Amino acid sequence: MALQQYSSALTHFFNQQTHHRGQVHAGLTGLGKPSLSLDLIYFVRSEGRQWM
């Protein structure tokens, strides 16, 4: 079993999410489809919420 620092594992988790998000964007672009705005700020605004 490999042990890893929590901060290192958390950094890897977020980097992996970014990687997959880029793959989805590239796939949609390759198919000629518009990509969605996945940024948190756009989600918050679309829900009519205040930021923090």
N, C-alpha and C. Protein backbone atom coordinates (compact mmCIF):
# COMPACT_ATOMS: atom_id res chain seq x y z
N MET A 1 0.85 -1.18 0.00
CA MET A 1 0.00 0.00 0.00
C MET A 1 0.90 1.24 0.00
N ALA A 2 0.63 2.14 -0.92
CA ALA A 2 1.43 3.37 -1.01
C ALA A 2 0.82 4.45 -0.13
N LEU A 3 1.66 5.12 0.60
CA LEU A 3 1.21 6.23 1.44
C LEU A 3 1.59 7.54 0.77
N GLN A 4 0.71 8.49 0.86
CA GLN A 4 0.93 9.78 0.22
C GLN A 4 0.43 10.88 1.14
N GLN A 5 1.08 12.02 1.12
CA GLN A 5 0.61 13.13 1.92
C GLN A 5 -0.76 13.57 1.41
N TYR A 6 -1.59 14.00 2.34
CA TYR A 6 -2.94 14.44 2.00
C TYR A 6 -2.91 15.56 0.98
N SER A 7 -2.04 16.54 1.17
CA SER A 7 -1.99 17.69 0.26
C SER A 7 -1.59 17.25 -1.15
N SER A 8 -0.69 16.31 -1.25
CA SER A 8 -0.26 15.81 -2.55
C SER A 8 -1.41 15.06 -3.24
N ALA A 9 -2.14 14.26 -2.49
CA ALA A 9 -3.27 13.52 -3.05
C ALA A 9 -4.37 14.47 -3.49
N LEU A 10 -4.62 15.50 -2.71
CA LEU A 10 -5.65 16.48 -3.04
C LEU A 10 -5.27 17.26 -4.30
N THR A 11 -4.01 17.62 -4.42
CA THR A 11 -3.53 18.30 -5.63
C THR A 11 -3.72 17.42 -6.85
N HIS A 12 -3.38 16.15 -6.72
CA HIS A 12 -3.56 15.21 -7.82
C HIS A 12 -5.03 15.10 -8.21
N PHE A 13 -5.91 15.05 -7.24
CA PHE A 13 -7.35 14.94 -7.49
C PHE A 13 -7.83 16.11 -8.34
N PHE A 14 -7.47 17.33 -7.97
CA PHE A 14 -7.92 18.51 -8.72
C PHE A 14 -7.27 18.58 -10.10
N ASN A 15 -6.00 18.20 -10.20
CA ASN A 15 -5.36 18.18 -11.51
C ASN A 15 -6.02 17.16 -12.43
N GLN A 16 -6.41 16.03 -11.88
CA GLN A 16 -7.07 14.99 -12.67
C GLN A 16 -8.43 15.48 -13.17
N GLN A 17 -9.17 16.21 -12.33
CA GLN A 17 -10.45 16.78 -12.75
C GLN A 17 -10.25 17.75 -13.91
N THR A 18 -9.23 18.58 -13.82
CA THR A 18 -8.94 19.54 -14.88
C THR A 18 -8.60 18.82 -16.17
N HIS A 19 -7.85 17.75 -16.07
CA HIS A 19 -7.49 16.96 -17.25
C HIS A 19 -8.73 16.41 -17.93
N HIS A 20 -9.63 15.82 -17.17
CA HIS A 20 -10.84 15.23 -17.76
C HIS A 20 -11.76 16.30 -18.32
N ARG A 21 -11.81 17.44 -17.67
CA ARG A 21 -12.61 18.55 -18.18
C ARG A 21 -12.08 18.99 -19.55
N GLY A 22 -10.77 19.04 -19.69
CA GLY A 22 -10.16 19.38 -20.97
C GLY A 22 -10.46 18.34 -22.04
N GLN A 23 -10.49 17.07 -21.65
CA GLN A 23 -10.83 16.01 -22.60
C GLN A 23 -12.26 16.17 -23.12
N VAL A 24 -13.19 16.48 -22.23
CA VAL A 24 -14.58 16.67 -22.62
C VAL A 24 -14.70 17.87 -23.56
N HIS A 25 -14.02 18.96 -23.22
CA HIS A 25 -14.06 20.15 -24.06
C HIS A 25 -13.50 19.84 -25.45
N ALA A 26 -12.39 19.14 -25.51
CA ALA A 26 -11.78 18.78 -26.80
C ALA A 26 -12.70 17.88 -27.60
N GLY A 27 -13.36 16.94 -26.94
CA GLY A 27 -14.29 16.05 -27.62
C GLY A 27 -15.47 16.79 -28.21
N LEU A 28 -16.05 17.70 -27.43
CA LEU A 28 -17.18 18.49 -27.93
C LEU A 28 -16.76 19.38 -29.10
N THR A 29 -15.60 20.00 -28.97
CA THR A 29 -15.10 20.86 -30.05
C THR A 29 -14.86 20.03 -31.31
N GLY A 30 -14.30 18.85 -31.15
CA GLY A 30 -14.05 17.96 -32.29
C GLY A 30 -15.32 17.53 -32.99
N LEU A 31 -16.41 17.45 -32.25
CA LEU A 31 -17.70 17.07 -32.83
C LEU A 31 -18.47 18.28 -33.36
N GLY A 32 -17.87 19.46 -33.22
CA GLY A 32 -18.53 20.67 -33.69
C GLY A 32 -19.64 21.15 -32.78
N LYS A 33 -19.65 20.69 -31.56
CA LYS A 33 -20.67 21.08 -30.59
C LYS A 33 -20.15 22.22 -29.72
N PRO A 34 -21.06 23.09 -29.28
CA PRO A 34 -20.61 24.16 -28.37
C PRO A 34 -20.29 23.57 -27.00
N SER A 35 -19.26 24.09 -26.39
CA SER A 35 -18.93 23.61 -25.04
C SER A 35 -19.72 24.40 -24.02
N LEU A 36 -19.93 23.80 -22.90
CA LEU A 36 -20.67 24.44 -21.83
C LEU A 36 -19.74 25.26 -20.96
N SER A 37 -20.28 26.25 -20.31
CA SER A 37 -19.52 27.03 -19.35
C SER A 37 -19.58 26.28 -18.02
N LEU A 38 -18.48 25.68 -17.63
CA LEU A 38 -18.46 24.86 -16.42
C LEU A 38 -17.84 25.56 -15.23
N ASP A 39 -17.45 26.81 -15.39
CA ASP A 39 -16.84 27.53 -14.29
C ASP A 39 -17.86 27.79 -13.19
N LEU A 40 -17.43 27.69 -11.95
CA LEU A 40 -18.31 27.86 -10.80
C LEU A 40 -19.02 29.20 -10.82
N ILE A 41 -18.33 30.26 -11.21
CA ILE A 41 -18.94 31.58 -11.18
C ILE A 41 -20.14 31.65 -12.12
N TYR A 42 -20.08 30.98 -13.27
CA TYR A 42 -21.22 30.97 -14.19
C TYR A 42 -22.37 30.16 -13.62
N PHE A 43 -22.07 29.07 -12.94
CA PHE A 43 -23.12 28.28 -12.30
C PHE A 43 -23.82 29.08 -11.22
N VAL A 44 -23.05 29.76 -10.39
CA VAL A 44 -23.62 30.57 -9.31
C VAL A 44 -24.51 31.65 -9.89
N ARG A 45 -24.04 32.32 -10.94
CA ARG A 45 -24.84 33.38 -11.56
C ARG A 45 -26.12 32.82 -12.18
N SER A 46 -26.05 31.67 -12.83
CA SER A 46 -27.23 31.09 -13.47
C SER A 46 -28.27 30.67 -12.44
N GLU A 47 -27.83 30.37 -11.24
CA GLU A 47 -28.74 29.99 -10.16
C GLU A 47 -29.28 31.21 -9.42
N GLY A 48 -28.79 32.41 -9.79
CA GLY A 48 -29.24 33.63 -9.15
C GLY A 48 -28.71 33.82 -7.74
N ARG A 49 -27.59 33.19 -7.46
CA ARG A 49 -27.01 33.27 -6.11
C ARG A 49 -25.96 34.36 -6.04
N GLN A 50 -25.69 34.81 -4.85
CA GLN A 50 -24.61 35.75 -4.60
C GLN A 50 -23.32 34.95 -4.43
N TRP A 51 -22.22 35.51 -4.87
CA TRP A 51 -20.93 34.84 -4.69
C TRP A 51 -20.45 35.07 -3.27
N MET A 52 -20.35 34.02 -2.51
CA MET A 52 -19.93 34.03 -1.11
C MET A 52 -20.85 34.92 -0.36
